[in-house]
Amino acid sequence: MMILVFAQWCINHDLDPITIYTEAYPHQEKNKELIEALDLTVPKKESDLIDSETILEVLSLYGNDDLAFVVSDYIHRKNLE
């Protein structure tokens, strides 16, 4: 579920989830779960809002601190809500 929320948040903000994930975990092989989650995302017009605070809380809840750090950087650089 966390991966799907992350992927949808990226889609909603016109960001590439694979690029962001790779920035957080550059030494990992391709994340099969993320690729599978991308198939379950919907276009941003059809998606419910996932605000930036929520995505950071979800990532932290699941212990994805490196990914939360990279996402936080994107939030601040791109002034995402």
PDB file of N, CA and C in Angstrom:
ATOM      1  N   MET A   1       0.826  -1.193   0.000  1.00  0.00           N
ATOM      2  CA  MET A   1       0.000   0.000   0.000  1.00  0.00           C
ATOM      3  C   MET A   1       0.870   1.257   0.000  1.00  0.00           C
ATOM      4  N   MET A   2       1.946   1.248   0.790  1.00  0.00           N
ATOM      5  CA  MET A   2       2.825   2.413   0.865  1.00  0.00           C
ATOM      6  C   MET A   2       3.411   2.731  -0.499  1.00  0.00           C
ATOM      7  N   ILE A   3       3.784   1.704  -1.243  1.00  0.00           N
ATOM      8  CA  ILE A   3       4.390   1.913  -2.557  1.00  0.00           C
ATOM      9  C   ILE A   3       3.378   2.518  -3.517  1.00  0.00           C
ATOM     10  N   LEU A   4       2.154   2.054  -3.449  1.00  0.00           N
ATOM     11  CA  LEU A   4       1.112   2.604  -4.311  1.00  0.00           C
ATOM     12  C   LEU A   4       0.833   4.065  -3.970  1.00  0.00           C
ATOM     13  N   VAL A   5       0.785   4.403  -2.701  1.00  0.00           N
ATOM     14  CA  VAL A   5       0.567   5.794  -2.290  1.00  0.00           C
ATOM     15  C   VAL A   5       1.716   6.667  -2.798  1.00  0.00           C
ATOM     16  N   PHE A   6       2.939   6.183  -2.644  1.00  0.00           N
ATOM     17  CA  PHE A   6       4.101   6.923  -3.143  1.00  0.00           C
ATOM     18  C   PHE A   6       4.017   7.126  -4.655  1.00  0.00           C
ATOM     19  N   ALA A   7       3.734   6.056  -5.380  1.00  0.00           N
ATOM     20  CA  ALA A   7       3.662   6.142  -6.847  1.00  0.00           C
ATOM     21  C   ALA A   7       2.567   7.112  -7.283  1.00  0.00           C
ATOM     22  N   GLN A   8       1.404   7.045  -6.630  1.00  0.00           N
ATOM     23  CA  GLN A   8       0.307   7.936  -7.011  1.00  0.00           C
ATOM     24  C   GLN A   8       0.637   9.383  -6.672  1.00  0.00           C
ATOM     25  N   TRP A   9       1.279   9.607  -5.536  1.00  0.00           N
ATOM     26  CA  TRP A   9       1.690  10.969  -5.180  1.00  0.00           C
ATOM     27  C   TRP A   9       2.609  11.535  -6.262  1.00  0.00           C
ATOM     28  N   CYS A  10       3.554  10.725  -6.728  1.00  0.00           N
ATOM     29  CA  CYS A  10       4.460  11.169  -7.791  1.00  0.00           C
ATOM     30  C   CYS A  10       3.683  11.497  -9.060  1.00  0.00           C
ATOM     31  N   ILE A  11       2.787  10.626  -9.459  1.00  0.00           N
ATOM     32  CA  ILE A  11       1.978  10.860 -10.659  1.00  0.00           C
ATOM     33  C   ILE A  11       1.186  12.151 -10.500  1.00  0.00           C
ATOM     34  N   ASN A  12       0.614  12.356  -9.329  1.00  0.00           N
ATOM     35  CA  ASN A  12      -0.193  13.556  -9.079  1.00  0.00           C
ATOM     36  C   ASN A  12       0.616  14.847  -9.175  1.00  0.00           C
ATOM     37  N   HIS A  13       1.935  14.739  -8.988  1.00  0.00           N
ATOM     38  CA  HIS A  13       2.803  15.921  -9.033  1.00  0.00           C
ATOM     39  C   HIS A  13       3.725  15.913 -10.253  1.00  0.00           C
ATOM     40  N   ASP A  14       3.371  15.106 -11.248  1.00  0.00           N
ATOM     41  CA  ASP A  14       4.136  15.029 -12.501  1.00  0.00           C
ATOM     42  C   ASP A  14       5.607  14.682 -12.262  1.00  0.00           C
ATOM     43  N   LEU A  15       5.833  13.768 -11.340  1.00  0.00           N
ATOM     44  CA  LEU A  15       7.179  13.304 -11.025  1.00  0.00           C
ATOM     45  C   LEU A  15       7.298  11.830 -11.393  1.00  0.00           C
ATOM     46  N   ASP A  16       8.498  11.392 -11.698  1.00  0.00           N
ATOM     47  CA  ASP A  16       8.739   9.994 -12.045  1.00  0.00           C
ATOM     48  C   ASP A  16       9.089   9.210 -10.779  1.00  0.00           C
ATOM     49  N   PRO A  17       8.217   8.302 -10.358  1.00  0.00           N
ATOM     50  CA  PRO A  17       8.474   7.562  -9.117  1.00  0.00           C
ATOM     51  C   PRO A  17       9.749   6.723  -9.167  1.00  0.00           C
ATOM     52  N   ILE A  18      10.075   6.176 -10.322  1.00  0.00           N
ATOM     53  CA  ILE A  18      11.275   5.342 -10.420  1.00  0.00           C
ATOM     54  C   ILE A  18      12.526   6.193 -10.243  1.00  0.00           C
ATOM     55  N   THR A  19      12.542   7.372 -10.825  1.00  0.00           N
ATOM     56  CA  THR A  19      13.684   8.276 -10.672  1.00  0.00           C
ATOM     57  C   THR A  19      13.867   8.672  -9.212  1.00  0.00           C
ATOM     58  N   ILE A  20      12.786   9.028  -8.559  1.00  0.00           N
ATOM     59  CA  ILE A  20      12.870   9.451  -7.160  1.00  0.00           C
ATOM     60  C   ILE A  20      13.307   8.287  -6.278  1.00  0.00           C
ATOM     61  N   TYR A  21      12.752   7.109  -6.508  1.00  0.00           N
ATOM     62  CA  TYR A  21      13.130   5.933  -5.726  1.00  0.00           C
ATOM     63  C   TYR A  21      14.614   5.622  -5.926  1.00  0.00           C
ATOM     64  N   THR A  22      15.081   5.734  -7.164  1.00  0.00           N
ATOM     65  CA  THR A  22      16.489   5.455  -7.462  1.00  0.00           C
ATOM     66  C   THR A  22      17.406   6.466  -6.794  1.00  0.00           C
ATOM     67  N   GLU A  23      16.971   7.704  -6.675  1.00  0.00           N
ATOM     68  CA  GLU A  23      17.764   8.708  -5.952  1.00  0.00           C
ATOM     69  C   GLU A  23      17.917   8.320  -4.486  1.00  0.00           C
ATOM     70  N   ALA A  24      16.857   7.786  -3.911  1.00  0.00           N
ATOM     71  CA  ALA A  24      16.887   7.404  -2.495  1.00  0.00           C
ATOM     72  C   ALA A  24      17.682   6.118  -2.268  1.00  0.00           C
ATOM     73  N   TYR A  25      17.577   5.191  -3.205  1.00  0.00           N
ATOM     74  CA  TYR A  25      18.217   3.878  -3.065  1.00  0.00           C
ATOM     75  C   TYR A  25      19.004   3.551  -4.340  1.00  0.00           C
ATOM     76  N   PRO A  26      20.108   4.262  -4.578  1.00  0.00           N
ATOM     77  CA  PRO A  26      20.836   4.103  -5.846  1.00  0.00           C
ATOM     78  C   PRO A  26      21.484   2.733  -6.043  1.00  0.00           C
ATOM     79  N   HIS A  27      21.704   1.988  -4.987  1.00  0.00           N
ATOM     80  CA  HIS A  27      22.399   0.708  -5.105  1.00  0.00           C
ATOM     81  C   HIS A  27      21.451  -0.478  -5.174  1.00  0.00           C
ATOM     82  N   GLN A  28      20.154  -0.212  -5.103  1.00  0.00           N
ATOM     83  CA  GLN A  28      19.192  -1.305  -5.211  1.00  0.00           C
ATOM     84  C   GLN A  28      18.902  -1.606  -6.671  1.00  0.00           C
ATOM     85  N   GLU A  29      18.570  -2.870  -6.911  1.00  0.00           N
ATOM     86  CA  GLU A  29      18.107  -3.228  -8.243  1.00  0.00           C
ATOM     87  C   GLU A  29      16.717  -2.658  -8.433  1.00  0.00           C
ATOM     88  N   LYS A  30      16.168  -2.825  -9.626  1.00  0.00           N
ATOM     89  CA  LYS A  30      14.819  -2.338  -9.882  1.00  0.00           C
ATOM     90  C   LYS A  30      13.862  -2.885  -8.839  1.00  0.00           C
ATOM     91  N   ASN A  31      12.963  -2.038  -8.395  1.00  0.00           N
ATOM     92  CA  ASN A  31      11.985  -2.426  -7.389  1.00  0.00           C
ATOM     93  C   ASN A  31      10.746  -2.972  -8.098  1.00  0.00           C
ATOM     94  N   LYS A  32      10.579  -4.295  -8.049  1.00  0.00           N
ATOM     95  CA  LYS A  32       9.453  -4.929  -8.744  1.00  0.00           C
ATOM     96  C   LYS A  32       8.117  -4.453  -8.204  1.00  0.00           C
ATOM     97  N   GLU A  33       8.039  -4.239  -6.900  1.00  0.00           N
ATOM     98  CA  GLU A  33       6.787  -3.786  -6.304  1.00  0.00           C
ATOM     99  C   GLU A  33       6.388  -2.404  -6.805  1.00  0.00           C
ATOM    100  N   LEU A  34       7.383  -1.533  -6.995  1.00  0.00           N
ATOM    101  CA  LEU A  34       7.103  -0.197  -7.508  1.00  0.00           C
ATOM    102  C   LEU A  34       6.608  -0.277  -8.957  1.00  0.00           C
ATOM    103  N   ILE A  35       7.247  -1.101  -9.752  1.00  0.00           N
ATOM    104  CA  ILE A  35       6.824  -1.261 -11.143  1.00  0.00           C
ATOM    105  C   ILE A  35       5.402  -1.810 -11.205  1.00  0.00           C
ATOM    106  N   GLU A  36       5.084  -2.766 -10.337  1.00  0.00           N
ATOM    107  CA  GLU A  36       3.724  -3.307 -10.283  1.00  0.00           C
ATOM    108  C   GLU A  36       2.736  -2.244  -9.798  1.00  0.00           C
ATOM    109  N   ALA A  37       3.136  -1.425  -8.841  1.00  0.00           N
ATOM    110  CA  ALA A  37       2.252  -0.377  -8.319  1.00  0.00           C
ATOM    111  C   ALA A  37       1.940   0.663  -9.393  1.00  0.00           C
ATOM    112  N   LEU A  38       2.892   0.915 -10.279  1.00  0.00           N
ATOM    113  CA  LEU A  38       2.658   1.884 -11.348  1.00  0.00           C
ATOM    114  C   LEU A  38       1.493   1.463 -12.236  1.00  0.00           C
ATOM    115  N   ASP A  39       1.305   0.163 -12.384  1.00  0.00           N
ATOM    116  CA  ASP A  39       0.173  -0.340 -13.170  1.00  0.00           C
ATOM    117  C   ASP A  39      -1.163  -0.062 -12.478  1.00  0.00           C
ATOM    118  N   LEU A  40      -1.133   0.184 -11.188  1.00  0.00           N
ATOM    119  CA  LEU A  40      -2.357   0.418 -10.425  1.00  0.00           C
ATOM    120  C   LEU A  40      -2.669   1.897 -10.227  1.00  0.00           C
ATOM    121  N   THR A  41      -1.749   2.754 -10.620  1.00  0.00           N
ATOM    122  CA  THR A  41      -2.009   4.194 -10.471  1.00  0.00           C
ATOM    123  C   THR A  41      -3.028   4.655 -11.504  1.00  0.00           C
ATOM    124  N   VAL A  42      -3.630   5.786 -11.216  1.00  0.00           N
ATOM    125  CA  VAL A  42      -4.603   6.378 -12.135  1.00  0.00           C
ATOM    126  C   VAL A  42      -4.073   7.739 -12.571  1.00  0.00           C
ATOM    127  N   PRO A  43      -4.596   8.265 -13.682  1.00  0.00           N
ATOM    128  CA  PRO A  43      -4.185   9.616 -14.073  1.00  0.00           C
ATOM    129  C   PRO A  43      -4.512  10.605 -12.963  1.00  0.00           C
ATOM    130  N   LYS A  44      -3.707  11.653 -12.855  1.00  0.00           N
ATOM    131  CA  LYS A  44      -3.877  12.582 -11.731  1.00  0.00           C
ATOM    132  C   LYS A  44      -5.258  13.217 -11.704  1.00  0.00           C
ATOM    133  N   LYS A  45      -5.907  13.356 -12.852  1.00  0.00           N
ATOM    134  CA  LYS A  45      -7.267  13.910 -12.889  1.00  0.00           C
ATOM    135  C   LYS A  45      -8.262  13.017 -12.150  1.00  0.00           C
ATOM    136  N   GLU A  46      -7.976  11.709 -12.116  1.00  0.00           N
ATOM    137  CA  GLU A  46      -8.885  10.748 -11.505  1.00  0.00           C
ATOM    138  C   GLU A  46      -8.517  10.410 -10.058  1.00  0.00           C
ATOM    139  N   SER A  47      -7.393  10.896  -9.604  1.00  0.00           N
ATOM    140  CA  SER A  47      -6.884  10.529  -8.282  1.00  0.00           C
ATOM    141  C   SER A  47      -7.415  11.434  -7.183  1.00  0.00           C
ATOM    142  N   ASP A  48      -7.539  10.854  -6.004  1.00  0.00           N
ATOM    143  CA  ASP A  48      -7.792  11.664  -4.823  1.00  0.00           C
ATOM    144  C   ASP A  48      -6.514  12.407  -4.462  1.00  0.00           C
ATOM    145  N   LEU A  49      -6.662  13.489  -3.745  1.00  0.00           N
ATOM    146  CA  LEU A  49      -5.511  14.276  -3.305  1.00  0.00           C
ATOM    147  C   LEU A  49      -4.696  13.481  -2.291  1.00  0.00           C
ATOM    148  N   ILE A  50      -3.401  13.467  -2.490  1.00  0.00           N
ATOM    149  CA  ILE A  50      -2.455  12.937  -1.507  1.00  0.00           C
ATOM    150  C   ILE A  50      -1.520  14.100  -1.206  1.00  0.00           C
ATOM    151  N   ASP A  51      -1.712  14.719  -0.052  1.00  0.00           N
ATOM    152  CA  ASP A  51      -0.896  15.898   0.223  1.00  0.00           C
ATOM    153  C   ASP A  51       0.507  15.495   0.672  1.00  0.00           C
ATOM    154  N   SER A  52       1.385  16.455   0.654  1.00  0.00           N
ATOM    155  CA  SER A  52       2.795  16.198   0.946  1.00  0.00           C
ATOM    156  C   SER A  52       3.017  15.714   2.372  1.00  0.00           C
ATOM    157  N   GLU A  53       2.268  16.237   3.296  1.00  0.00           N
ATOM    158  CA  GLU A  53       2.401  15.788   4.685  1.00  0.00           C
ATOM    159  C   GLU A  53       2.041  14.309   4.809  1.00  0.00           C
ATOM    160  N   THR A  54       0.993  13.899   4.111  1.00  0.00           N
ATOM    161  CA  THR A  54       0.553  12.502   4.164  1.00  0.00           C
ATOM    162  C   THR A  54       1.609  11.568   3.607  1.00  0.00           C
ATOM    163  N   ILE A  55       2.190  11.907   2.456  1.00  0.00           N
ATOM    164  CA  ILE A  55       3.194  11.011   1.870  1.00  0.00           C
ATOM    165  C   ILE A  55       4.405  10.890   2.783  1.00  0.00           C
ATOM    166  N   LEU A  56       4.818  11.983   3.401  1.00  0.00           N
ATOM    167  CA  LEU A  56       5.957  11.916   4.317  1.00  0.00           C
ATOM    168  C   LEU A  56       5.636  11.069   5.544  1.00  0.00           C
ATOM    169  N   GLU A  57       4.423  11.182   6.064  1.00  0.00           N
ATOM    170  CA  GLU A  57       4.016  10.369   7.212  1.00  0.00           C
ATOM    171  C   GLU A  57       3.980   8.889   6.858  1.00  0.00           C
ATOM    172  N   VAL A  58       3.439   8.573   5.690  1.00  0.00           N
ATOM    173  CA  VAL A  58       3.355   7.177   5.263  1.00  0.00           C
ATOM    174  C   VAL A  58       4.750   6.589   5.075  1.00  0.00           C
ATOM    175  N   LEU A  59       5.630   7.318   4.417  1.00  0.00           N
ATOM    176  CA  LEU A  59       6.991   6.820   4.216  1.00  0.00           C
ATOM    177  C   LEU A  59       7.707   6.620   5.545  1.00  0.00           C
ATOM    178  N   SER A  60       7.544   7.550   6.453  1.00  0.00           N
ATOM    179  CA  SER A  60       8.179   7.423   7.766  1.00  0.00           C
ATOM    180  C   SER A  60       7.593   6.270   8.568  1.00  0.00           C
ATOM    181  N   LEU A  61       6.294   6.103   8.474  1.00  0.00           N
ATOM    182  CA  LEU A  61       5.619   5.008   9.181  1.00  0.00           C
ATOM    183  C   LEU A  61       6.191   3.657   8.777  1.00  0.00           C
ATOM    184  N   TYR A  62       6.531   3.514   7.497  1.00  0.00           N
ATOM    185  CA  TYR A  62       7.073   2.259   6.990  1.00  0.00           C
ATOM    186  C   TYR A  62       8.607   2.216   7.041  1.00  0.00           C
ATOM    187  N   GLY A  63       9.222   3.215   7.639  1.00  0.00           N
ATOM    188  CA  GLY A  63      10.671   3.205   7.818  1.00  0.00           C
ATOM    189  C   GLY A  63      11.460   3.534   6.565  1.00  0.00           C
ATOM    190  N   ASN A  64      10.825   4.148   5.589  1.00  0.00           N
ATOM    191  CA  ASN A  64      11.520   4.547   4.365  1.00  0.00           C
ATOM    192  C   ASN A  64      12.071   5.966   4.522  1.00  0.00           C
ATOM    193  N   ASP A  65      12.975   6.107   5.461  1.00  0.00           N
ATOM    194  CA  ASP A  65      13.514   7.425   5.777  1.00  0.00           C
ATOM    195  C   ASP A  65      14.326   8.028   4.634  1.00  0.00           C
ATOM    196  N   ASP A  66      15.083   7.194   3.919  1.00  0.00           N
ATOM    197  CA  ASP A  66      15.859   7.715   2.790  1.00  0.00           C
ATOM    198  C   ASP A  66      14.932   8.249   1.704  1.00  0.00           C
ATOM    199  N   LEU A  67      13.871   7.508   1.420  1.00  0.00           N
ATOM    200  CA  LEU A  67      12.911   7.951   0.419  1.00  0.00           C
ATOM    201  C   LEU A  67      12.167   9.189   0.904  1.00  0.00           C
ATOM    202  N   ALA A  68      11.815   9.227   2.177  1.00  0.00           N
ATOM    203  CA  ALA A  68      11.143  10.403   2.739  1.00  0.00           C
ATOM    204  C   ALA A  68      12.036  11.635   2.625  1.00  0.00           C
ATOM    205  N   PHE A  69      13.337  11.466   2.821  1.00  0.00           N
ATOM    206  CA  PHE A  69      14.272  12.583   2.691  1.00  0.00           C
ATOM    207  C   PHE A  69      14.278  13.131   1.267  1.00  0.00           C
ATOM    208  N   VAL A  70      14.340  12.227   0.271  1.00  0.00           N
ATOM    209  CA  VAL A  70      14.359  12.653  -1.134  1.00  0.00           C
ATOM    210  C   VAL A  70      13.027  13.305  -1.504  1.00  0.00           C
ATOM    211  N   VAL A  71      11.923  12.712  -1.067  1.00  0.00           N
ATOM    212  CA  VAL A  71      10.602  13.289  -1.341  1.00  0.00           C
ATOM    213  C   VAL A  71      10.500  14.672  -0.706  1.00  0.00           C
ATOM    214  N   SER A  72      10.970  14.808   0.511  1.00  0.00           N
ATOM    215  CA  SER A  72      10.949  16.102   1.194  1.00  0.00           C
ATOM    216  C   SER A  72      11.740  17.139   0.406  1.00  0.00           C
ATOM    217  N   ASP A  73      12.865  16.731  -0.138  1.00  0.00           N
ATOM    218  CA  ASP A  73      13.671  17.638  -0.955  1.00  0.00           C
ATOM    219  C   ASP A  73      12.887  18.088  -2.192  1.00  0.00           C
ATOM    220  N   TYR A  74      12.202  17.162  -2.852  1.00  0.00           N
ATOM    221  CA  TYR A  74      11.372  17.524  -4.010  1.00  0.00           C
ATOM    222  C   TYR A  74      10.253  18.479  -3.600  1.00  0.00           C
ATOM    223  N   ILE A  75       9.646  18.217  -2.464  1.00  0.00           N
ATOM    224  CA  ILE A  75       8.558  19.074  -1.981  1.00  0.00           C
ATOM    225  C   ILE A  75       9.052  20.506  -1.819  1.00  0.00           C
ATOM    226  N   HIS A  76      10.213  20.665  -1.219  1.00  0.00           N
ATOM    227  CA  HIS A  76      10.734  22.003  -0.960  1.00  0.00           C
ATOM    228  C   HIS A  76      11.270  22.675  -2.229  1.00  0.00           C
ATOM    229  N   ARG A  77      11.936  21.908  -3.090  1.00  0.00           N
ATOM    230  CA  ARG A  77      12.489  22.490  -4.319  1.00  0.00           C
ATOM    231  C   ARG A  77      11.406  22.901  -5.289  1.00  0.00           C
ATOM    232  N   LYS A  78      10.347  22.103  -5.366  1.00  0.00           N
ATOM    233  CA  LYS A  78       9.289  22.374  -6.334  1.00  0.00           C
ATOM    234  C   LYS A  78       8.079  23.052  -5.708  1.00  0.00           C
ATOM    235  N   ASN A  79       8.180  23.346  -4.399  1.00  0.00           N
ATOM    236  CA  ASN A  79       7.091  24.020  -3.675  1.00  0.00           C
ATOM    237  C   ASN A  79       5.767  23.273  -3.851  1.00  0.00           C
ATOM    238  N   LEU A  80       5.808  21.962  -3.604  1.00  0.00           N
ATOM    239  CA  LEU A  80       4.623  21.130  -3.748  1.00  0.00           C
ATOM    240  C   LEU A  80       3.789  21.177  -2.485  1.00  0.00           C
ATOM    241  N   GLU A  81       2.522  21.131  -2.653  1.00  0.00           N
ATOM    242  CA  GLU A  81       1.591  21.112  -1.516  1.00  0.00           C
ATOM    243  C   GLU A  81       1.217  19.699  -1.184  1.00  0.00           C
TER     244      GLU A  81
END
